[in-house]
């Protein structure tokens, strides 16, 4: 098998396992094993093991020697800290990028926004919504030209996804659709109009929505696995 095919298989397994975690197909006591995934996806051991190792490196799961893997517990406090840093990075990145955002870059963002508004997304699937949201924010961040900003943001998003299922489910119960945030549209309209102050305000309010949701959760909770972690 060539390296490209092997990498594609690894990425496929990684994405499928991550999606199942977001969709709560694994419970708090679930054990994920190589054997299970090899059988489920009909793949050899190598890409499955590499995907699991990458998930461990991204702090999504943790290895239990001679047993398997489980979802790594993350505290409410960890999420709050990640959200603070995420806001700092994204607002700074937009400030740096704003004078130089090209029409081509703006069109890329508009295409991402339109994709998030497609009819198929009426299906209440938190994984699809979060993946599109992540792509939107990381792509915008790359425009500042600092690769470390985008790399750090990508890591932070992998912490912030914890509890996102509850975030979406709670909004859907209230009749809202957090997967179709109008702040994204207002942000893009502001960039198109070259209105810096409005663009910064829209991004800050978009980020504050998720931030506010987690800020009401008590810091005393030692782990999200019994309440908020995506299972």
Protein backbone atom coordinates (compact mmCIF):
# COMPACT_ATOMS: atom_id res chain seq x y z
CA UNK A 1 0.00 0.00 0.00
CA UNK A 2 1.40 3.41 -0.91
CA UNK A 3 1.80 6.15 1.68
CA UNK A 4 -1.09 8.22 0.31
CA UNK A 5 -3.56 5.33 0.50
CA UNK A 6 -2.38 4.48 4.01
CA UNK A 7 -2.81 8.09 5.13
CA UNK A 8 -6.31 8.21 3.65
CA UNK A 9 -7.31 5.09 5.58
CA UNK A 10 -5.88 6.48 8.79
CA UNK A 11 -7.74 9.76 8.28
CA UNK A 12 -10.96 7.89 7.56
CA UNK A 13 -10.76 5.87 10.78
CA UNK A 14 -9.80 8.97 12.77
CA UNK A 15 -12.75 10.94 11.44
CA UNK A 16 -15.24 8.10 11.93
CA UNK A 17 -14.20 7.45 15.53
CA UNK A 18 -14.23 11.17 16.30
CA UNK A 19 -17.69 11.52 14.75
CA UNK A 20 -18.99 8.60 16.82
CA UNK A 21 -17.63 10.26 19.96
CA UNK A 22 -19.39 13.53 19.14
CA UNK A 23 -22.61 11.65 18.38
CA UNK A 24 -22.40 9.85 21.75
CA UNK A 25 -22.14 6.40 20.26
CA UNK A 26 -19.57 5.63 22.95
CA UNK A 27 -20.66 5.74 26.58
CA UNK A 28 -18.58 6.97 29.52
CA UNK A 29 -17.45 3.42 30.28
CA UNK A 30 -16.98 2.31 26.67
CA UNK A 31 -13.70 0.68 25.71
CA UNK A 32 -12.54 1.15 22.12
CA UNK A 33 -10.21 -1.54 20.81
CA UNK A 34 -8.18 -2.05 17.67
CA UNK A 35 -9.96 -5.35 17.08
CA UNK A 36 -13.38 -3.67 17.15
CA UNK A 37 -12.38 -1.03 14.62
CA UNK A 38 -10.57 -3.47 12.34
CA UNK A 39 -13.77 -5.50 12.16
CA UNK A 40 -16.05 -2.47 11.84
CA UNK A 41 -14.16 -0.79 9.01
CA UNK A 42 -12.68 -3.87 7.35
CA UNK A 43 -9.15 -2.48 7.51
CA UNK A 44 -5.75 -3.79 8.48
CA UNK A 45 -4.23 -3.11 11.89
CA UNK A 46 -1.79 -0.41 10.79
CA UNK A 47 -4.17 2.47 9.80
CA UNK A 48 -6.45 1.69 12.75
CA UNK A 49 -3.59 1.84 15.22
CA UNK A 50 -2.23 5.03 13.66
CA UNK A 51 -5.66 6.67 13.89
CA UNK A 52 -6.00 5.71 17.54
CA UNK A 53 -2.52 7.03 18.31
CA UNK A 54 -3.40 10.34 16.62
CA UNK A 55 -6.62 10.57 18.64
CA UNK A 56 -4.51 10.06 21.76
CA UNK A 57 -2.05 12.75 20.63
CA UNK A 58 -5.01 15.12 20.16
CA UNK A 59 -6.21 14.39 23.73
CA UNK A 60 -9.52 12.98 22.51
CA UNK A 61 -8.96 9.46 23.84
CA UNK A 62 -6.43 7.85 26.18
CA UNK A 63 -4.74 4.48 26.10
CA UNK A 64 -5.41 1.86 28.77
CA UNK A 65 -2.54 -0.63 28.47
CA UNK A 66 -3.66 -4.17 27.61
CA UNK A 67 -7.30 -3.02 27.68
CA UNK A 68 -7.95 -0.53 24.88
CA UNK A 69 -8.86 3.14 24.69
CA UNK A 70 -11.46 5.37 26.31
CA UNK A 71 -12.60 8.96 25.85
CA UNK A 72 -10.34 11.25 27.82
CA UNK A 73 -12.11 13.12 30.63
CA UNK A 74 -12.02 16.92 30.37
CA UNK A 75 -13.20 19.30 33.07
CA UNK A 76 -15.48 22.30 32.70
CA UNK A 77 -12.55 24.39 33.88
CA UNK A 78 -10.40 23.08 31.00
CA UNK A 79 -13.07 24.09 28.50
CA UNK A 80 -13.45 27.55 29.99
CA UNK A 81 -9.68 28.09 29.83
CA UNK A 82 -9.58 26.91 26.21
CA UNK A 83 -12.42 29.27 25.29
CA UNK A 84 -10.58 32.26 26.78
CA UNK A 85 -7.46 31.51 24.73
CA UNK A 86 -9.53 30.75 21.64
CA UNK A 87 -11.17 34.18 21.80
CA UNK A 88 -7.79 35.90 22.21
CA UNK A 89 -6.33 34.10 19.19
CA UNK A 90 -9.31 34.58 16.88
CA UNK A 91 -9.81 38.25 17.63
CA UNK A 92 -6.09 38.95 17.26
CA UNK A 93 -5.96 36.97 14.02
CA UNK A 94 -8.88 38.92 12.56
CA UNK A 95 -7.26 42.20 13.60
CA UNK A 96 -4.04 41.18 11.81
CA UNK A 97 -5.79 39.82 8.73
CA UNK A 98 -8.52 42.41 8.23
CA UNK A 99 -6.60 44.96 6.10
CA UNK A 100 -5.40 42.21 3.77
CA UNK A 101 -8.43 39.90 3.34
CA UNK A 102 -8.80 39.42 -0.42
CA UNK A 103 -11.93 38.90 -2.47
CA UNK A 104 -10.85 35.31 -3.06
CA UNK A 105 -10.50 34.70 0.67
CA UNK A 106 -13.85 36.33 1.34
CA UNK A 107 -15.47 34.13 -1.30
CA UNK A 108 -13.96 31.07 0.38
CA UNK A 109 -15.60 32.10 3.65
CA UNK A 110 -18.92 32.80 1.94
CA UNK A 111 -18.83 29.31 0.41
CA UNK A 112 -18.26 27.79 3.85
CA UNK A 113 -21.15 29.80 5.25
CA UNK A 114 -23.47 28.73 2.44
CA UNK A 115 -22.54 25.11 3.01
CA UNK A 116 -23.63 25.46 6.63
CA UNK A 117 -27.03 26.71 5.48
CA UNK A 118 -27.85 23.82 3.16
CA UNK A 119 -31.16 22.03 3.59
CA UNK A 120 -29.47 18.76 4.54
CA UNK A 121 -28.22 20.44 7.69
CA UNK A 122 -31.75 20.60 9.00
CA UNK A 123 -30.86 17.14 10.29
CA UNK A 124 -29.92 17.68 13.89
CA UNK A 125 -26.45 16.17 13.73
CA UNK A 126 -24.05 17.94 16.13
CA UNK A 127 -20.99 16.48 14.41
CA UNK A 128 -21.84 18.00 11.02
CA UNK A 129 -22.58 21.39 12.55
CA UNK A 130 -19.44 21.45 14.66
CA UNK A 131 -17.21 20.33 11.80
CA UNK A 132 -18.50 23.14 9.58
CA UNK A 133 -18.16 25.64 12.41
CA UNK A 134 -14.58 24.51 13.01
CA UNK A 135 -13.69 24.86 9.32
CA UNK A 136 -15.18 28.36 9.24
CA UNK A 137 -13.18 29.63 12.22
CA UNK A 138 -9.88 27.95 11.39
CA UNK A 139 -10.02 29.10 7.76
CA UNK A 140 -10.62 32.69 8.86
CA UNK A 141 -7.74 32.39 11.31
CA UNK A 142 -5.32 31.30 8.57
CA UNK A 143 -5.75 34.63 6.79
CA UNK A 144 -3.57 36.33 9.41
CA UNK A 145 -0.57 34.45 8.01
CA UNK A 146 0.62 33.12 11.38
CA UNK A 147 0.64 29.33 11.14
CA UNK A 148 1.02 28.97 14.89
CA UNK A 149 -2.25 30.78 15.48
CA UNK A 150 -4.12 28.33 13.24
CA UNK A 151 -2.31 25.32 14.71
CA UNK A 152 -3.10 26.40 18.27
CA UNK A 153 -6.71 27.17 17.38
CA UNK A 154 -7.09 23.70 15.87
CA UNK A 155 -5.89 22.20 19.16
CA UNK A 156 -8.24 24.40 21.17
CA UNK A 157 -11.20 23.40 19.02
CA UNK A 158 -10.50 19.79 19.93
CA UNK A 159 -10.99 20.75 23.57
CA UNK A 160 -13.99 23.00 22.95
CA UNK A 161 -15.90 20.22 21.16
CA UNK A 162 -16.42 18.55 24.55
CA UNK A 163 -20.01 19.18 25.49
CA UNK A 164 -20.96 20.51 22.08
CA UNK A 165 -23.66 17.87 21.69
CA UNK A 166 -25.40 19.24 24.77
CA UNK A 167 -24.90 22.78 23.47
CA UNK A 168 -26.71 21.97 20.23
CA UNK A 169 -29.34 19.72 21.79
CA UNK A 170 -30.25 22.34 24.38
CA UNK A 171 -30.60 24.99 21.67
CA UNK A 172 -32.77 22.71 19.53
CA UNK A 173 -35.04 22.02 22.50
CA UNK A 174 -35.48 25.78 22.87
CA UNK A 175 -36.37 26.09 19.19
CA UNK A 176 -33.04 27.65 18.19
CA UNK A 177 -30.53 26.40 15.63
CA UNK A 178 -27.01 27.08 16.83
CA UNK A 179 -25.69 25.30 13.74
CA UNK A 180 -26.87 28.20 11.59
CA UNK A 181 -25.46 31.15 13.51
CA UNK A 182 -26.34 34.44 11.88
CA UNK A 183 -23.20 35.95 13.42
CA UNK A 184 -21.23 34.26 10.64
CA UNK A 185 -23.28 36.02 7.98
CA UNK A 186 -23.07 39.36 9.76
CA UNK A 187 -19.32 38.90 10.15
CA UNK A 188 -18.88 38.25 6.43
CA UNK A 189 -21.12 41.18 5.53
CA UNK A 190 -18.95 43.41 7.73
CA UNK A 191 -15.75 42.17 6.10
CA UNK A 192 -17.24 42.75 2.64
CA UNK A 193 -18.18 46.30 3.68
CA UNK A 194 -14.68 46.79 5.14
CA UNK A 195 -16.22 47.68 8.48
CA UNK A 196 -13.52 46.68 10.93
CA UNK A 197 -15.32 47.58 14.16
CA UNK A 198 -18.48 45.72 13.15
CA UNK A 199 -16.52 42.66 12.04
CA UNK A 200 -14.67 42.45 15.36
CA UNK A 201 -17.93 42.89 17.25
CA UNK A 202 -19.66 40.12 15.27
CA UNK A 203 -16.80 37.67 15.83
CA UNK A 204 -16.67 38.45 19.54
CA UNK A 205 -20.42 37.93 19.93
CA UNK A 206 -20.28 34.69 17.96
CA UNK A 207 -17.55 33.36 20.25
CA UNK A 208 -19.32 34.64 23.36
CA UNK A 209 -22.38 32.50 22.59
CA UNK A 210 -20.56 29.25 23.32
CA UNK A 211 -18.53 30.94 26.01
CA UNK A 212 -21.69 31.98 27.89
CA UNK A 213 -23.09 28.47 27.66
CA UNK A 214 -20.13 26.95 29.49
CA UNK A 215 -19.65 29.80 31.94
CA UNK A 216 -22.85 28.80 33.78
CA UNK A 217 -21.43 25.34 34.46
CA UNK A 218 -19.84 24.93 37.91
CA UNK A 219 -16.05 24.65 38.05
CA UNK A 220 -16.41 22.02 40.76
CA UNK A 221 -17.41 19.37 38.25
CA UNK A 222 -14.33 17.10 38.09
CA UNK A 223 -15.18 15.57 34.72
CA UNK A 224 -17.54 16.01 31.84
CA UNK A 225 -17.93 12.31 31.26
CA UNK A 226 -21.05 11.99 33.42
CA UNK A 227 -22.71 15.13 32.12
CA UNK A 228 -21.16 16.93 29.19
CA UNK A 229 -18.58 14.88 27.39
CA UNK A 230 -19.67 13.79 23.95
CA UNK A 231 -20.73 10.17 24.20
